[in-house]
Amino acid sequence: MTVLRTIKERRSIHTFEEKEVDIELLREIFTYGSYAPTHYMKEPWQMKLYQRDGKDTLIHAIIRSYQRIGMIRNSNDPKTIKMIDSMKSFLHSIPHHAVIYFEKEEDPVRYEEEYAAVCAFIQNSQLAAWEFGVGMLWTITPYMHDPGFYSDIELDANKSKIAAVLQIGYPKKVPRNKGRTSITDKMQIIE
């Protein structure tokens, strides 16, 4: 594929085959991601990749966070237990989860530069993955703002910022192209 075609055809994947992506291929994908623009060549992106039994740590942290912030009851009633079991099953079915984060900068301009570079890294990684037939879903979730979640995955919420959690695997189903709004509607030309 050409890069332009890949940009247009890439889709966010919501359901994955149970097959894992080889770790060397994941390294190659994220190596392509690392060619993202980065201010002062700081390459601020960091990653924790959860797979196989390692997913248990992440899933446990997610459930605890949702209970802390009130999205899931902290009780043993059958409905809550069923919901938690369903969530665990769904998250376990995803072959790989990548927590993408960076060290916070105190200067707000530098902070935005770092965040922008990390977002470019994520998008490059998604495009590279698509070239290899691997799908990703870039998620922004409430637990990413919970200091307890950071602690549970051994990050310091005062020093680090989670930019995204990527769900990764071979697509079970590729969503249809929903099109895009014409750029003419988004562009104001000032002469």
C-alpha atoms as a PDB file:
ATOM      1  CA  MET A   1       0.000   0.000   0.000  1.00  0.00           C
ATOM      2  CA  THR A   2       1.013   3.585  -0.446  1.00  0.00           C
ATOM      3  CA  VAL A   3       1.094   5.767   2.643  1.00  0.00           C
ATOM      4  CA  LEU A   4      -1.848   7.810   1.315  1.00  0.00           C
ATOM      5  CA  ARG A   5      -3.944   4.702   0.790  1.00  0.00           C
ATOM      6  CA  THR A   6      -3.033   3.408   4.258  1.00  0.00           C
ATOM      7  CA  ILE A   7      -4.089   6.711   5.837  1.00  0.00           C
ATOM      8  CA  LYS A   8      -7.493   6.466   4.117  1.00  0.00           C
ATOM      9  CA  GLU A   9      -8.077   2.742   4.685  1.00  0.00           C
ATOM     10  CA  ARG A  10      -6.932   2.355   8.311  1.00  0.00           C
ATOM     11  CA  ARG A  11      -9.785   1.664  10.703  1.00  0.00           C
ATOM     12  CA  SER A  12     -10.153   1.524  14.465  1.00  0.00           C
ATOM     13  CA  ILE A  13     -10.638  -2.129  15.356  1.00  0.00           C
ATOM     14  CA  HIS A  14     -13.094  -3.128  18.075  1.00  0.00           C
ATOM     15  CA  THR A  15     -12.987  -6.930  17.808  1.00  0.00           C
ATOM     16  CA  PHE A  16      -9.848  -9.005  17.490  1.00  0.00           C
ATOM     17  CA  GLU A  17      -8.927 -12.556  16.586  1.00  0.00           C
ATOM     18  CA  GLU A  18      -7.545 -14.543  19.501  1.00  0.00           C
ATOM     19  CA  LYS A  19      -4.183 -14.881  17.726  1.00  0.00           C
ATOM     20  CA  GLU A  20      -1.312 -12.889  19.255  1.00  0.00           C
ATOM     21  CA  VAL A  21       0.904 -10.610  17.179  1.00  0.00           C
ATOM     22  CA  ASP A  22       4.524 -11.759  17.253  1.00  0.00           C
ATOM     23  CA  ILE A  23       6.579  -9.606  19.638  1.00  0.00           C
ATOM     24  CA  GLU A  24       9.190  -8.914  16.952  1.00  0.00           C
ATOM     25  CA  LEU A  25       6.484  -7.581  14.640  1.00  0.00           C
ATOM     26  CA  LEU A  26       5.184  -5.377  17.465  1.00  0.00           C
ATOM     27  CA  ARG A  27       8.711  -4.053  17.981  1.00  0.00           C
ATOM     28  CA  GLU A  28       8.944  -3.305  14.263  1.00  0.00           C
ATOM     29  CA  ILE A  29       5.565  -1.540  14.282  1.00  0.00           C
ATOM     30  CA  PHE A  30       6.508   0.641  17.256  1.00  0.00           C
ATOM     31  CA  THR A  31       9.918   1.327  15.710  1.00  0.00           C
ATOM     32  CA  TYR A  32       8.103   2.849  12.735  1.00  0.00           C
ATOM     33  CA  GLY A  33       5.980   4.761  15.234  1.00  0.00           C
ATOM     34  CA  SER A  34       9.138   6.241  16.740  1.00  0.00           C
ATOM     35  CA  TYR A  35       9.809   8.203  13.552  1.00  0.00           C
ATOM     36  CA  ALA A  36       7.157  10.659  14.695  1.00  0.00           C
ATOM     37  CA  PRO A  37       8.076  14.348  14.873  1.00  0.00           C
ATOM     38  CA  THR A  38       9.529  15.146  18.263  1.00  0.00           C
ATOM     39  CA  HIS A  39      10.681  18.479  19.632  1.00  0.00           C
ATOM     40  CA  TYR A  40      14.415  18.555  20.377  1.00  0.00           C
ATOM     41  CA  MET A  41      14.537  14.821  19.536  1.00  0.00           C
ATOM     42  CA  LYS A  42      13.270  14.036  23.034  1.00  0.00           C
ATOM     43  CA  GLU A  43      11.243  10.999  21.880  1.00  0.00           C
ATOM     44  CA  PRO A  44       9.067  11.254  25.012  1.00  0.00           C
ATOM     45  CA  TRP A  45       6.908   8.155  24.414  1.00  0.00           C
ATOM     46  CA  GLN A  46       7.121   5.267  26.851  1.00  0.00           C
ATOM     47  CA  MET A  47       5.085   2.086  26.830  1.00  0.00           C
ATOM     48  CA  LYS A  48       3.957  -0.778  29.022  1.00  0.00           C
ATOM     49  CA  LEU A  49       2.841  -3.707  26.845  1.00  0.00           C
ATOM     50  CA  TYR A  50       0.476  -6.170  28.510  1.00  0.00           C
ATOM     51  CA  GLN A  51      -0.090  -9.583  26.989  1.00  0.00           C
ATOM     52  CA  ARG A  52      -0.747 -13.178  28.057  1.00  0.00           C
ATOM     53  CA  ASP A  53      -0.787 -13.446  31.878  1.00  0.00           C
ATOM     54  CA  GLY A  54       0.497  -9.859  32.126  1.00  0.00           C
ATOM     55  CA  LYS A  55      -2.987  -8.693  31.119  1.00  0.00           C
ATOM     56  CA  ASP A  56      -4.239  -9.759  34.560  1.00  0.00           C
ATOM     57  CA  THR A  57      -2.338  -6.879  36.182  1.00  0.00           C
ATOM     58  CA  LEU A  58      -3.848  -4.301  33.820  1.00  0.00           C
ATOM     59  CA  ILE A  59      -7.365  -5.725  33.979  1.00  0.00           C
ATOM     60  CA  HIS A  60      -7.300  -5.845  37.772  1.00  0.00           C
ATOM     61  CA  ALA A  61      -6.131  -2.204  37.829  1.00  0.00           C
ATOM     62  CA  ILE A  62      -8.936  -1.183  35.439  1.00  0.00           C
ATOM     63  CA  ILE A  63     -11.643  -2.877  37.520  1.00  0.00           C
ATOM     64  CA  ARG A  64     -10.321  -1.362  40.761  1.00  0.00           C
ATOM     65  CA  SER A  65     -10.245   2.069  39.129  1.00  0.00           C
ATOM     66  CA  TYR A  66     -13.811   1.786  37.837  1.00  0.00           C
ATOM     67  CA  GLN A  67     -14.899   0.814  41.351  1.00  0.00           C
ATOM     68  CA  ARG A  68     -13.018   3.771  42.874  1.00  0.00           C
ATOM     69  CA  ILE A  69     -14.516   6.292  40.480  1.00  0.00           C
ATOM     70  CA  GLY A  70     -18.024   4.835  40.759  1.00  0.00           C
ATOM     71  CA  MET A  71     -18.451   3.299  37.293  1.00  0.00           C
ATOM     72  CA  ILE A  72     -18.772  -0.171  38.849  1.00  0.00           C
ATOM     73  CA  ARG A  73     -20.248  -0.860  42.261  1.00  0.00           C
ATOM     74  CA  ASN A  74     -17.885  -2.112  44.888  1.00  0.00           C
ATOM     75  CA  SER A  75     -20.158  -4.954  45.984  1.00  0.00           C
ATOM     76  CA  ASN A  76     -20.649  -8.676  45.620  1.00  0.00           C
ATOM     77  CA  ASP A  77     -24.167  -8.573  44.257  1.00  0.00           C
ATOM     78  CA  PRO A  78     -24.730 -10.987  41.339  1.00  0.00           C
ATOM     79  CA  LYS A  79     -25.338  -8.228  38.772  1.00  0.00           C
ATOM     80  CA  THR A  80     -22.030  -6.502  39.633  1.00  0.00           C
ATOM     81  CA  ILE A  81     -20.109  -9.795  39.617  1.00  0.00           C
ATOM     82  CA  LYS A  82     -21.605 -10.652  36.216  1.00  0.00           C
ATOM     83  CA  MET A  83     -20.628  -7.216  34.851  1.00  0.00           C
ATOM     84  CA  ILE A  84     -17.054  -7.566  36.161  1.00  0.00           C
ATOM     85  CA  ASP A  85     -16.736 -11.079  34.731  1.00  0.00           C
ATOM     86  CA  SER A  86     -18.003  -9.832  31.369  1.00  0.00           C
ATOM     87  CA  MET A  87     -15.528  -6.940  31.396  1.00  0.00           C
ATOM     88  CA  LYS A  88     -12.650  -9.252  32.339  1.00  0.00           C
ATOM     89  CA  SER A  89     -13.594 -11.667  29.552  1.00  0.00           C
ATOM     90  CA  PHE A  90     -13.762  -8.866  26.989  1.00  0.00           C
ATOM     91  CA  LEU A  91     -10.401  -7.362  28.028  1.00  0.00           C
ATOM     92  CA  HIS A  92      -8.735 -10.793  28.107  1.00  0.00           C
ATOM     93  CA  SER A  93      -9.942 -11.445  24.547  1.00  0.00           C
ATOM     94  CA  ILE A  94      -7.801  -8.563  23.290  1.00  0.00           C
ATOM     95  CA  PRO A  95      -4.337  -9.989  22.520  1.00  0.00           C
ATOM     96  CA  HIS A  96      -2.275  -6.942  23.549  1.00  0.00           C
ATOM     97  CA  HIS A  97      -2.806  -3.717  25.503  1.00  0.00           C
ATOM     98  CA  ALA A  98      -0.214  -0.939  25.300  1.00  0.00           C
ATOM     99  CA  VAL A  99      -0.285   1.843  27.874  1.00  0.00           C
ATOM    100  CA  ILE A 100       1.409   4.803  26.168  1.00  0.00           C
ATOM    101  CA  TYR A 101       2.679   7.476  28.531  1.00  0.00           C
ATOM    102  CA  PHE A 102       5.260  10.225  28.898  1.00  0.00           C
ATOM    103  CA  GLU A 103       7.002  12.088  31.674  1.00  0.00           C
ATOM    104  CA  LYS A 104       5.228  15.355  32.488  1.00  0.00           C
ATOM    105  CA  GLU A 105       6.901  18.675  31.829  1.00  0.00           C
ATOM    106  CA  GLU A 106       6.221  21.554  34.221  1.00  0.00           C
ATOM    107  CA  ASP A 107       6.409  24.134  31.429  1.00  0.00           C
ATOM    108  CA  PRO A 108       2.960  24.072  29.733  1.00  0.00           C
ATOM    109  CA  VAL A 109       4.433  24.688  26.271  1.00  0.00           C
ATOM    110  CA  ARG A 110       6.892  21.791  26.665  1.00  0.00           C
ATOM    111  CA  TYR A 111       4.070  19.632  28.043  1.00  0.00           C
ATOM    112  CA  GLU A 112       2.000  20.246  24.904  1.00  0.00           C
ATOM    113  CA  GLU A 113       5.014  19.556  22.687  1.00  0.00           C
ATOM    114  CA  GLU A 114       5.594  16.232  24.427  1.00  0.00           C
ATOM    115  CA  TYR A 115       1.913  15.283  24.251  1.00  0.00           C
ATOM    116  CA  ALA A 116       1.764  16.163  20.548  1.00  0.00           C
ATOM    117  CA  ALA A 117       4.852  14.044  19.840  1.00  0.00           C
ATOM    118  CA  VAL A 118       3.354  11.084  21.700  1.00  0.00           C
ATOM    119  CA  CYS A 119       0.109  11.420  19.716  1.00  0.00           C
ATOM    120  CA  ALA A 120       2.112  11.442  16.480  1.00  0.00           C
ATOM    121  CA  PHE A 121       3.918   8.294  17.699  1.00  0.00           C
ATOM    122  CA  ILE A 122       0.563   6.615  18.323  1.00  0.00           C
ATOM    123  CA  GLN A 123      -0.782   7.523  14.884  1.00  0.00           C
ATOM    124  CA  ASN A 124       2.412   6.403  13.137  1.00  0.00           C
ATOM    125  CA  SER A 125       2.177   3.116  15.033  1.00  0.00           C
ATOM    126  CA  GLN A 126      -1.441   2.617  13.956  1.00  0.00           C
ATOM    127  CA  LEU A 127      -0.538   3.261  10.317  1.00  0.00           C
ATOM    128  CA  ALA A 128       2.469   0.920  10.462  1.00  0.00           C
ATOM    129  CA  ALA A 129       0.346  -1.763  12.133  1.00  0.00           C
ATOM    130  CA  TRP A 130      -2.259  -1.497   9.372  1.00  0.00           C
ATOM    131  CA  GLU A 131       0.456  -2.139   6.773  1.00  0.00           C
ATOM    132  CA  PHE A 132       1.143  -5.469   8.511  1.00  0.00           C
ATOM    133  CA  GLY A 133      -2.533  -6.392   8.850  1.00  0.00           C
ATOM    134  CA  VAL A 134      -2.603  -5.545  12.551  1.00  0.00           C
ATOM    135  CA  GLY A 135      -5.417  -3.460  13.996  1.00  0.00           C
ATOM    136  CA  MET A 136      -5.405  -1.041  16.905  1.00  0.00           C
ATOM    137  CA  LEU A 137      -7.943   0.884  18.900  1.00  0.00           C
ATOM    138  CA  TRP A 138      -6.717   4.139  20.456  1.00  0.00           C
ATOM    139  CA  THR A 139      -8.662   4.467  23.703  1.00  0.00           C
ATOM    140  CA  ILE A 140      -8.986   7.370  26.103  1.00  0.00           C
ATOM    141  CA  THR A 141     -10.728   6.077  29.207  1.00  0.00           C
ATOM    142  CA  PRO A 142     -11.700   7.442  32.651  1.00  0.00           C
ATOM    143  CA  TYR A 143      -9.180   5.268  34.503  1.00  0.00           C
ATOM    144  CA  MET A 144      -6.378   7.156  32.739  1.00  0.00           C
ATOM    145  CA  HIS A 145      -7.180  10.061  35.075  1.00  0.00           C
ATOM    146  CA  ASP A 146      -7.249   8.019  38.279  1.00  0.00           C
ATOM    147  CA  PRO A 147      -4.048   8.322  40.377  1.00  0.00           C
ATOM    148  CA  GLY A 148      -4.842   4.930  41.922  1.00  0.00           C
ATOM    149  CA  PHE A 149      -4.727   3.332  38.479  1.00  0.00           C
ATOM    150  CA  TYR A 150      -1.266   4.815  37.911  1.00  0.00           C
ATOM    151  CA  SER A 151      -0.132   3.383  41.201  1.00  0.00           C
ATOM    152  CA  ASP A 152      -1.587  -0.044  40.389  1.00  0.00           C
ATOM    153  CA  ILE A 153       0.462  -0.222  37.169  1.00  0.00           C
ATOM    154  CA  GLU A 154       3.560   1.198  38.868  1.00  0.00           C
ATOM    155  CA  LEU A 155       3.510   4.709  37.430  1.00  0.00           C
ATOM    156  CA  ASP A 156       3.590   7.965  39.386  1.00  0.00           C
ATOM    157  CA  ALA A 157       0.611  10.162  38.469  1.00  0.00           C
ATOM    158  CA  ASN A 158       2.581  13.229  39.579  1.00  0.00           C
ATOM    159  CA  LYS A 159       5.385  12.499  37.114  1.00  0.00           C
ATOM    160  CA  SER A 160       3.732  10.643  34.227  1.00  0.00           C
ATOM    161  CA  LYS A 161       0.774  11.238  31.916  1.00  0.00           C
ATOM    162  CA  ILE A 162      -0.979   8.378  30.124  1.00  0.00           C
ATOM    163  CA  ALA A 163      -1.790   9.512  26.589  1.00  0.00           C
ATOM    164  CA  ALA A 164      -3.665   6.395  25.473  1.00  0.00           C
ATOM    165  CA  VAL A 165      -4.210   2.719  25.924  1.00  0.00           C
ATOM    166  CA  LEU A 166      -3.949   0.889  22.611  1.00  0.00           C
ATOM    167  CA  GLN A 167      -5.828  -2.349  22.101  1.00  0.00           C
ATOM    168  CA  ILE A 168      -3.890  -4.415  19.570  1.00  0.00           C
ATOM    169  CA  GLY A 169      -4.450  -7.571  17.531  1.00  0.00           C
ATOM    170  CA  TYR A 170      -5.456  -9.005  14.193  1.00  0.00           C
ATOM    171  CA  PRO A 171      -8.872  -7.663  13.175  1.00  0.00           C
ATOM    172  CA  LYS A 172     -11.816 -10.032  13.461  1.00  0.00           C
ATOM    173  CA  LYS A 173     -13.953  -7.493  11.634  1.00  0.00           C
ATOM    174  CA  VAL A 174     -12.991  -4.295   9.807  1.00  0.00           C
ATOM    175  CA  PRO A 175     -15.567  -1.499  10.085  1.00  0.00           C
ATOM    176  CA  ARG A 176     -16.851   0.077   6.900  1.00  0.00           C
ATOM    177  CA  ASN A 177     -15.523   3.411   5.681  1.00  0.00           C
ATOM    178  CA  LYS A 178     -17.750   6.082   7.202  1.00  0.00           C
ATOM    179  CA  GLY A 179     -16.205   8.829   5.087  1.00  0.00           C
ATOM    180  CA  ARG A 180     -15.051  12.202   6.318  1.00  0.00           C
ATOM    181  CA  THR A 181     -16.398  15.724   6.289  1.00  0.00           C
ATOM    182  CA  SER A 182     -15.045  17.700   3.352  1.00  0.00           C
ATOM    183  CA  ILE A 183     -11.962  19.609   4.389  1.00  0.00           C
ATOM    184  CA  THR A 184     -13.523  22.635   2.687  1.00  0.00           C
ATOM    185  CA  ASP A 185     -16.018  22.720   5.569  1.00  0.00           C
ATOM    186  CA  LYS A 186     -13.146  22.711   8.076  1.00  0.00           C
ATOM    187  CA  MET A 187     -10.763  25.178   6.424  1.00  0.00           C
ATOM    188  CA  GLN A 188     -11.009  28.919   6.747  1.00  0.00           C
ATOM    189  CA  ILE A 189      -8.902  30.670   4.129  1.00  0.00           C
ATOM    190  CA  ILE A 190      -7.762  34.150   5.073  1.00  0.00           C
ATOM    191  CA  GLU A 191      -6.268  36.287   2.314  1.00  0.00           C
END
